[in-house]
N, C-alpha and C. Protein backbone atom coordinates (compact mmCIF):
# COMPACT_ATOMS: atom_id res chain seq x y z
N MET A 1 -1.38 -2.74 -12.58
CA MET A 1 -1.26 -1.32 -12.31
C MET A 1 -0.21 -0.76 -13.27
N ASN A 2 -0.58 0.19 -14.07
CA ASN A 2 0.34 0.82 -15.00
C ASN A 2 1.01 2.01 -14.32
N LEU A 3 2.24 1.82 -13.88
CA LEU A 3 2.94 2.87 -13.12
C LEU A 3 3.50 3.96 -14.00
N THR A 4 3.58 3.72 -15.31
CA THR A 4 4.15 4.71 -16.21
C THR A 4 3.08 5.58 -16.85
N SER A 5 1.89 5.56 -16.30
CA SER A 5 0.77 6.32 -16.84
C SER A 5 0.41 7.46 -15.89
N PHE A 6 -0.10 8.54 -16.46
CA PHE A 6 -0.59 9.63 -15.63
C PHE A 6 -2.06 9.41 -15.26
N GLY A 7 -2.65 8.30 -15.71
CA GLY A 7 -4.05 8.00 -15.44
C GLY A 7 -4.26 7.22 -14.15
N ARG A 8 -3.32 7.33 -13.21
CA ARG A 8 -3.46 6.61 -11.94
C ARG A 8 -4.40 7.38 -11.00
N THR A 9 -5.10 6.62 -10.16
CA THR A 9 -5.95 7.24 -9.16
C THR A 9 -5.17 7.41 -7.85
N ALA A 10 -5.73 8.15 -6.93
CA ALA A 10 -5.08 8.32 -5.61
C ALA A 10 -4.97 6.98 -4.89
N ALA A 11 -5.98 6.13 -5.04
CA ALA A 11 -5.95 4.81 -4.40
C ALA A 11 -4.82 3.96 -4.98
N MET A 12 -4.60 4.05 -6.28
CA MET A 12 -3.50 3.29 -6.90
C MET A 12 -2.15 3.79 -6.39
N ASP A 13 -2.00 5.10 -6.24
CA ASP A 13 -0.76 5.65 -5.70
C ASP A 13 -0.53 5.19 -4.27
N LYS A 14 -1.58 5.15 -3.47
CA LYS A 14 -1.46 4.69 -2.09
C LYS A 14 -1.07 3.22 -2.04
N ASP A 15 -1.71 2.40 -2.89
CA ASP A 15 -1.37 0.98 -2.95
C ASP A 15 0.08 0.77 -3.37
N PHE A 16 0.54 1.56 -4.32
CA PHE A 16 1.92 1.46 -4.77
C PHE A 16 2.88 1.84 -3.64
N GLY A 17 2.56 2.89 -2.89
CA GLY A 17 3.39 3.28 -1.76
C GLY A 17 3.46 2.19 -0.70
N THR A 18 2.34 1.53 -0.46
CA THR A 18 2.31 0.42 0.50
C THR A 18 3.17 -0.74 0.00
N LEU A 19 3.09 -1.03 -1.29
CA LEU A 19 3.89 -2.10 -1.88
C LEU A 19 5.39 -1.81 -1.75
N ILE A 20 5.79 -0.60 -2.07
CA ILE A 20 7.20 -0.23 -1.98
C ILE A 20 7.68 -0.32 -0.53
N THR A 21 6.86 0.14 0.41
CA THR A 21 7.23 0.05 1.82
C THR A 21 7.36 -1.40 2.26
N ALA A 22 6.45 -2.26 1.80
CA ALA A 22 6.51 -3.67 2.16
C ALA A 22 7.78 -4.32 1.60
N LEU A 23 8.18 -3.93 0.41
CA LEU A 23 9.36 -4.54 -0.21
C LEU A 23 10.66 -3.97 0.33
N HIS A 24 10.71 -2.69 0.62
CA HIS A 24 11.98 -2.04 0.93
C HIS A 24 12.02 -1.32 2.27
N GLY A 25 10.89 -1.13 2.91
CA GLY A 25 10.86 -0.37 4.16
C GLY A 25 10.81 -1.27 5.38
N ARG A 26 10.66 -0.65 6.50
CA ARG A 26 10.53 -1.38 7.76
C ARG A 26 9.06 -1.73 7.99
N PRO A 27 8.77 -2.85 8.63
CA PRO A 27 7.37 -3.23 8.89
C PRO A 27 6.62 -2.21 9.74
N THR A 28 7.31 -1.44 10.53
CA THR A 28 6.64 -0.44 11.37
C THR A 28 6.10 0.71 10.55
N GLN A 29 6.50 0.81 9.27
CA GLN A 29 6.03 1.89 8.41
C GLN A 29 4.73 1.53 7.70
N LEU A 30 4.32 0.27 7.76
CA LEU A 30 3.10 -0.15 7.09
C LEU A 30 1.88 0.35 7.85
N PRO A 31 0.80 0.64 7.14
CA PRO A 31 -0.42 1.06 7.83
C PRO A 31 -0.98 -0.08 8.67
N LYS A 32 -1.58 0.26 9.78
CA LYS A 32 -2.18 -0.75 10.66
C LYS A 32 -3.47 -1.28 10.04
N LEU A 33 -3.61 -2.58 10.02
CA LEU A 33 -4.83 -3.20 9.51
C LEU A 33 -5.82 -3.35 10.66
N PRO A 34 -7.11 -3.20 10.38
CA PRO A 34 -8.09 -3.39 11.45
C PRO A 34 -8.09 -4.83 11.91
N LYS A 35 -8.32 -5.01 13.21
CA LYS A 35 -8.36 -6.36 13.76
C LYS A 35 -9.63 -7.07 13.32
N ARG A 36 -9.50 -8.33 13.00
CA ARG A 36 -10.65 -9.13 12.57
C ARG A 36 -11.19 -9.88 13.79
N HIS A 37 -12.43 -9.66 14.08
CA HIS A 37 -13.07 -10.33 15.21
C HIS A 37 -13.68 -11.64 14.74
N GLY A 38 -13.74 -12.58 15.63
CA GLY A 38 -14.37 -13.86 15.31
C GLY A 38 -13.39 -14.91 14.82
N ARG A 39 -12.11 -14.61 14.90
CA ARG A 39 -11.11 -15.61 14.49
C ARG A 39 -10.31 -16.03 15.67
């Protein structure tokens, strides 16, 4: 992911925000993942 480019998509920006939150934020700030059935 090229963060210094203006050619980023909205999905790339969202992924980057999730990464920063995972590295520096609280776990309660992460988006909820859908539960996987069958495990």
